């Protein structure tokens, strides 16, 4: 199994697209993370507003 991973690593390291990708993948992961964070925070804000309106809810 170790040989498989070394071979796969050599193939990916020598691939032409490896140099062309650059930091685009890293930046896209960061941007998607922030989009997900703000989406989640928006849902939390809605849930908090709903909880404030319902006095019988356990907080």
PDB file of N, CA and C in Angstrom:
ATOM      1  N   UNK A   1       0.826  -1.189   0.000  1.00  0.00           N
ATOM      2  CA  UNK A   1       0.000   0.000   0.000  1.00  0.00           C
ATOM      3  C   UNK A   1       0.871   1.254   0.000  1.00  0.00           C
ATOM      4  N   UNK A   2       2.030   1.144   0.617  1.00  0.00           N
ATOM      5  CA  UNK A   2       2.938   2.293   0.646  1.00  0.00           C
ATOM      6  C   UNK A   2       3.395   2.665  -0.759  1.00  0.00           C
ATOM      7  N   UNK A   3       3.630   1.670  -1.591  1.00  0.00           N
ATOM      8  CA  UNK A   3       4.034   1.936  -2.966  1.00  0.00           C
ATOM      9  C   UNK A   3       2.966   2.659  -3.758  1.00  0.00           C
ATOM     10  N   UNK A   4       1.714   2.331  -3.494  1.00  0.00           N
ATOM     11  CA  UNK A   4       0.607   3.002  -4.175  1.00  0.00           C
ATOM     12  C   UNK A   4       0.613   4.495  -3.884  1.00  0.00           C
ATOM     13  N   UNK A   5       0.778   4.867  -2.608  1.00  0.00           N
ATOM     14  CA  UNK A   5       0.740   6.278  -2.228  1.00  0.00           C
ATOM     15  C   UNK A   5       1.938   7.036  -2.781  1.00  0.00           C
ATOM     16  N   UNK A   6       3.110   6.402  -2.797  1.00  0.00           N
ATOM     17  CA  UNK A   6       4.285   7.057  -3.361  1.00  0.00           C
ATOM     18  C   UNK A   6       4.107   7.279  -4.862  1.00  0.00           C
ATOM     19  N   UNK A   7       3.547   6.296  -5.536  1.00  0.00           N
ATOM     20  CA  UNK A   7       3.307   6.443  -6.975  1.00  0.00           C
ATOM     21  C   UNK A   7       2.283   7.530  -7.245  1.00  0.00           C
ATOM     22  N   UNK A   8       1.205   7.545  -6.489  1.00  0.00           N
ATOM     23  CA  UNK A   8       0.195   8.584  -6.659  1.00  0.00           C
ATOM     24  C   UNK A   8       0.789   9.971  -6.385  1.00  0.00           C
ATOM     25  N   UNK A   9       1.626  10.078  -5.378  1.00  0.00           N
ATOM     26  CA  UNK A   9       2.280  11.347  -5.074  1.00  0.00           C
ATOM     27  C   UNK A   9       3.191  11.811  -6.195  1.00  0.00           C
ATOM     28  N   UNK A  10       3.932  10.881  -6.801  1.00  0.00           N
ATOM     29  CA  UNK A  10       4.808  11.238  -7.915  1.00  0.00           C
ATOM     30  C   UNK A  10       4.004  11.696  -9.129  1.00  0.00           C
ATOM     31  N   UNK A  11       2.879  11.039  -9.365  1.00  0.00           N
ATOM     32  CA  UNK A  11       2.030  11.416 -10.505  1.00  0.00           C
ATOM     33  C   UNK A  11       1.461  12.813 -10.290  1.00  0.00           C
ATOM     34  N   UNK A  12       0.927  13.062  -9.099  1.00  0.00           N
ATOM     35  CA  UNK A  12       0.333  14.361  -8.827  1.00  0.00           C
ATOM     36  C   UNK A  12       1.376  15.470  -8.759  1.00  0.00           C
ATOM     37  N   UNK A  13       2.560  15.154  -8.295  1.00  0.00           N
ATOM     38  CA  UNK A  13       3.616  16.151  -8.215  1.00  0.00           C
ATOM     39  C   UNK A  13       4.108  16.537  -9.606  1.00  0.00           C
ATOM     40  N   UNK A  14       4.064  15.623 -10.538  1.00  0.00           N
ATOM     41  CA  UNK A  14       4.528  15.916 -11.886  1.00  0.00           C
ATOM     42  C   UNK A  14       3.428  16.366 -12.823  1.00  0.00           C
ATOM     43  N   UNK A  15       2.212  16.468 -12.342  1.00  0.00           N
ATOM     44  CA  UNK A  15       1.092  16.851 -13.192  1.00  0.00           C
ATOM     45  C   UNK A  15       1.209  18.325 -13.578  1.00  0.00           C
ATOM     46  N   UNK A  16       0.770  18.650 -14.766  1.00  0.00           N
ATOM     47  CA  UNK A  16       0.877  20.028 -15.273  1.00  0.00           C
ATOM     48  C   UNK A  16      -0.049  20.984 -14.547  1.00  0.00           C
ATOM     49  N   UNK A  17      -1.192  20.496 -14.059  1.00  0.00           N
ATOM     50  CA  UNK A  17      -2.142  21.384 -13.410  1.00  0.00           C
ATOM     51  C   UNK A  17      -1.709  21.770 -12.006  1.00  0.00           C
ATOM     52  N   UNK A  18      -0.761  21.065 -11.462  1.00  0.00           N
ATOM     53  CA  UNK A  18      -0.321  21.341 -10.095  1.00  0.00           C
ATOM     54  C   UNK A  18       0.236  22.763  -9.970  1.00  0.00           C
ATOM     55  N   UNK A  19       1.035  23.186 -10.942  1.00  0.00           N
ATOM     56  CA  UNK A  19       1.615  24.524 -10.898  1.00  0.00           C
ATOM     57  C   UNK A  19       0.593  25.592 -11.251  1.00  0.00           C
ATOM     58  N   UNK A  20      -0.401  25.249 -12.047  1.00  0.00           N
ATOM     59  CA  UNK A  20      -1.379  26.236 -12.485  1.00  0.00           C
ATOM     60  C   UNK A  20      -2.418  26.546 -11.410  1.00  0.00           C
ATOM     61  N   UNK A  21      -2.631  25.629 -10.489  1.00  0.00           N
ATOM     62  CA  UNK A  21      -3.636  25.851  -9.462  1.00  0.00           C
ATOM     63  C   UNK A  21      -3.183  26.951  -8.502  1.00  0.00           C
ATOM     64  N   UNK A  22      -1.957  26.916  -8.085  1.00  0.00           N
ATOM     65  CA  UNK A  22      -1.440  27.929  -7.182  1.00  0.00           C
ATOM     66  C   UNK A  22      -2.214  27.988  -5.882  1.00  0.00           C
ATOM     67  N   UNK A  23      -2.587  29.193  -5.490  1.00  0.00           N
ATOM     68  CA  UNK A  23      -3.296  29.389  -4.236  1.00  0.00           C
ATOM     69  C   UNK A  23      -4.798  29.513  -4.429  1.00  0.00           C
ATOM     70  N   UNK A  24      -5.282  29.283  -5.635  1.00  0.00           N
ATOM     71  CA  UNK A  24      -6.716  29.440  -5.906  1.00  0.00           C
ATOM     72  C   UNK A  24      -7.530  28.510  -5.016  1.00  0.00           C
ATOM     73  N   UNK A  25      -7.088  27.281  -4.849  1.00  0.00           N
ATOM     74  CA  UNK A  25      -7.827  26.337  -4.008  1.00  0.00           C
ATOM     75  C   UNK A  25      -7.878  26.820  -2.567  1.00  0.00           C
ATOM     76  N   UNK A  26      -6.751  27.275  -2.049  1.00  0.00           N
ATOM     77  CA  UNK A  26      -6.717  27.751  -0.661  1.00  0.00           C
ATOM     78  C   UNK A  26      -7.627  28.950  -0.467  1.00  0.00           C
ATOM     79  N   UNK A  27      -7.575  29.902  -1.401  1.00  0.00           N
ATOM     80  CA  UNK A  27      -8.420  31.094  -1.281  1.00  0.00           C
ATOM     81  C   UNK A  27      -9.896  30.733  -1.397  1.00  0.00           C
ATOM     82  N   UNK A  28     -10.214  29.788  -2.268  1.00  0.00           N
ATOM     83  CA  UNK A  28     -11.624  29.406  -2.413  1.00  0.00           C
ATOM     84  C   UNK A  28     -12.135  28.705  -1.158  1.00  0.00           C
ATOM     85  N   UNK A  29     -11.314  27.911  -0.505  1.00  0.00           N
ATOM     86  CA  UNK A  29     -11.721  27.265   0.740  1.00  0.00           C
ATOM     87  C   UNK A  29     -11.959  28.308   1.830  1.00  0.00           C
ATOM     88  N   UNK A  30     -11.104  29.321   1.888  1.00  0.00           N
ATOM     89  CA  UNK A  30     -11.280  30.383   2.881  1.00  0.00           C
ATOM     90  C   UNK A  30     -12.560  31.161   2.614  1.00  0.00           C
ATOM     91  N   UNK A  31     -12.813  31.508   1.350  1.00  0.00           N
ATOM     92  CA  UNK A  31     -14.021  32.256   0.995  1.00  0.00           C
ATOM     93  C   UNK A  31     -15.263  31.436   1.300  1.00  0.00           C
ATOM     94  N   UNK A  32     -15.254  30.158   0.925  1.00  0.00           N
ATOM     95  CA  UNK A  32     -16.407  29.302   1.222  1.00  0.00           C
ATOM     96  C   UNK A  32     -16.619  29.146   2.726  1.00  0.00           C
ATOM     97  N   UNK A  33     -15.541  29.123   3.489  1.00  0.00           N
ATOM     98  CA  UNK A  33     -15.657  29.052   4.935  1.00  0.00           C
ATOM     99  C   UNK A  33     -16.328  30.291   5.513  1.00  0.00           C
ATOM    100  N   UNK A  34     -15.958  31.469   5.002  1.00  0.00           N
ATOM    101  CA  UNK A  34     -16.594  32.692   5.479  1.00  0.00           C
ATOM    102  C   UNK A  34     -18.051  32.770   5.042  1.00  0.00           C
ATOM    103  N   UNK A  35     -18.363  32.330   3.837  1.00  0.00           N
ATOM    104  CA  UNK A  35     -19.755  32.306   3.386  1.00  0.00           C
ATOM    105  C   UNK A  35     -20.576  31.387   4.289  1.00  0.00           C
ATOM    106  N   UNK A  36     -20.035  30.218   4.605  1.00  0.00           N
ATOM    107  CA  UNK A  36     -20.716  29.297   5.508  1.00  0.00           C
ATOM    108  C   UNK A  36     -20.871  29.880   6.900  1.00  0.00           C
ATOM    109  N   UNK A  37     -19.858  30.597   7.380  1.00  0.00           N
ATOM    110  CA  UNK A  37     -19.936  31.228   8.699  1.00  0.00           C
ATOM    111  C   UNK A  37     -21.067  32.246   8.753  1.00  0.00           C
ATOM    112  N   UNK A  38     -21.144  33.114   7.749  1.00  0.00           N
ATOM    113  CA  UNK A  38     -22.188  34.142   7.748  1.00  0.00           C
ATOM    114  C   UNK A  38     -23.567  33.538   7.542  1.00  0.00           C
ATOM    115  N   UNK A  39     -23.641  32.467   6.765  1.00  0.00           N
ATOM    116  CA  UNK A  39     -24.917  31.768   6.600  1.00  0.00           C
ATOM    117  C   UNK A  39     -25.378  31.191   7.931  1.00  0.00           C
ATOM    118  N   UNK A  40     -24.470  30.557   8.657  1.00  0.00           N
ATOM    119  CA  UNK A  40     -24.788  29.970   9.961  1.00  0.00           C
ATOM    120  C   UNK A  40     -25.156  31.049  10.973  1.00  0.00           C
ATOM    121  N   UNK A  41     -24.414  32.163  10.970  1.00  0.00           N
ATOM    122  CA  UNK A  41     -24.724  33.252  11.898  1.00  0.00           C
ATOM    123  C   UNK A  41     -26.097  33.847  11.615  1.00  0.00           C
ATOM    124  N   UNK A  42     -26.490  33.912  10.345  1.00  0.00           N
ATOM    125  CA  UNK A  42     -27.812  34.407   9.999  1.00  0.00           C
ATOM    126  C   UNK A  42     -28.887  33.486  10.554  1.00  0.00           C
ATOM    127  N   UNK A  43     -28.707  32.168  10.434  1.00  0.00           N
ATOM    128  CA  UNK A  43     -29.666  31.212  10.998  1.00  0.00           C
ATOM    129  C   UNK A  43     -29.726  31.341  12.514  1.00  0.00           C
ATOM    130  N   UNK A  44     -28.579  31.530  13.154  1.00  0.00           N
ATOM    131  CA  UNK A  44     -28.556  31.688  14.603  1.00  0.00           C
ATOM    132  C   UNK A  44     -29.317  32.938  15.027  1.00  0.00           C
ATOM    133  N   UNK A  45     -29.165  34.017  14.264  1.00  0.00           N
ATOM    134  CA  UNK A  45     -29.893  35.254  14.566  1.00  0.00           C
ATOM    135  C   UNK A  45     -31.392  35.016  14.484  1.00  0.00           C
ATOM    136  N   UNK A  46     -31.840  34.287  13.462  1.00  0.00           N
ATOM    137  CA  UNK A  46     -33.269  33.984  13.321  1.00  0.00           C
ATOM    138  C   UNK A  46     -33.769  33.122  14.467  1.00  0.00           C
ATOM    139  N   UNK A  47     -32.986  32.135  14.876  1.00  0.00           N
ATOM    140  CA  UNK A  47     -33.380  31.270  15.990  1.00  0.00           C
ATOM    141  C   UNK A  47     -33.428  32.052  17.299  1.00  0.00           C
ATOM    142  N   UNK A  48     -32.495  32.975  17.486  1.00  0.00           N
ATOM    143  CA  UNK A  48     -32.496  33.785  18.709  1.00  0.00           C
ATOM    144  C   UNK A  48     -33.706  34.703  18.755  1.00  0.00           C
ATOM    145  N   UNK A  49     -34.087  35.281  17.627  1.00  0.00           N
ATOM    146  CA  UNK A  49     -35.279  36.114  17.583  1.00  0.00           C
ATOM    147  C   UNK A  49     -36.527  35.294  17.886  1.00  0.00           C
ATOM    148  N   UNK A  50     -36.578  34.091  17.356  1.00  0.00           N
ATOM    149  CA  UNK A  50     -37.722  33.209  17.612  1.00  0.00           C
ATOM    150  C   UNK A  50     -37.759  32.815  19.091  1.00  0.00           C
ATOM    151  N   UNK A  51     -36.619  32.593  19.699  1.00  0.00           N
ATOM    152  CA  UNK A  51     -36.572  32.214  21.110  1.00  0.00           C
ATOM    153  C   UNK A  51     -36.989  33.372  22.010  1.00  0.00           C
ATOM    154  N   UNK A  52     -36.676  34.597  21.612  1.00  0.00           N
ATOM    155  CA  UNK A  52     -37.083  35.751  22.412  1.00  0.00           C
ATOM    156  C   UNK A  52     -38.602  35.938  22.396  1.00  0.00           C
ATOM    157  N   UNK A  53     -39.246  35.561  21.322  1.00  0.00           N
ATOM    158  CA  UNK A  53     -40.687  35.728  21.202  1.00  0.00           C
ATOM    159  C   UNK A  53     -41.469  34.649  21.952  1.00  0.00           C
ATOM    160  N   UNK A  54     -40.847  33.509  22.235  1.00  0.00           N
ATOM    161  CA  UNK A  54     -41.519  32.397  22.894  1.00  0.00           C
ATOM    162  C   UNK A  54     -41.028  32.295  24.344  1.00  0.00           C
ATOM    163  N   UNK A  55     -41.809  32.784  25.314  1.00  0.00           N
ATOM    164  CA  UNK A  55     -41.346  32.770  26.716  1.00  0.00           C
ATOM    165  C   UNK A  55     -41.342  31.376  27.338  1.00  0.00           C
ATOM    166  N   UNK A  56     -42.047  30.413  26.779  1.00  0.00           N
ATOM    167  CA  UNK A  56     -42.099  29.076  27.344  1.00  0.00           C
ATOM    168  C   UNK A  56     -40.936  28.197  26.920  1.00  0.00           C
ATOM    169  N   UNK A  57     -40.086  28.694  26.068  1.00  0.00           N
ATOM    170  CA  UNK A  57     -38.963  27.916  25.564  1.00  0.00           C
ATOM    171  C   UNK A  57     -37.835  27.880  26.609  1.00  0.00           C
ATOM    172  N   UNK A  58     -37.216  26.738  26.741  1.00  0.00           N
ATOM    173  CA  UNK A  58     -36.096  26.586  27.679  1.00  0.00           C
ATOM    174  C   UNK A  58     -34.864  27.242  27.067  1.00  0.00           C
ATOM    175  N   UNK A  59     -34.222  28.077  27.841  1.00  0.00           N
ATOM    176  CA  UNK A  59     -33.028  28.789  27.336  1.00  0.00           C
ATOM    177  C   UNK A  59     -31.814  28.380  28.107  1.00  0.00           C
TER     178      UNK A  59
END
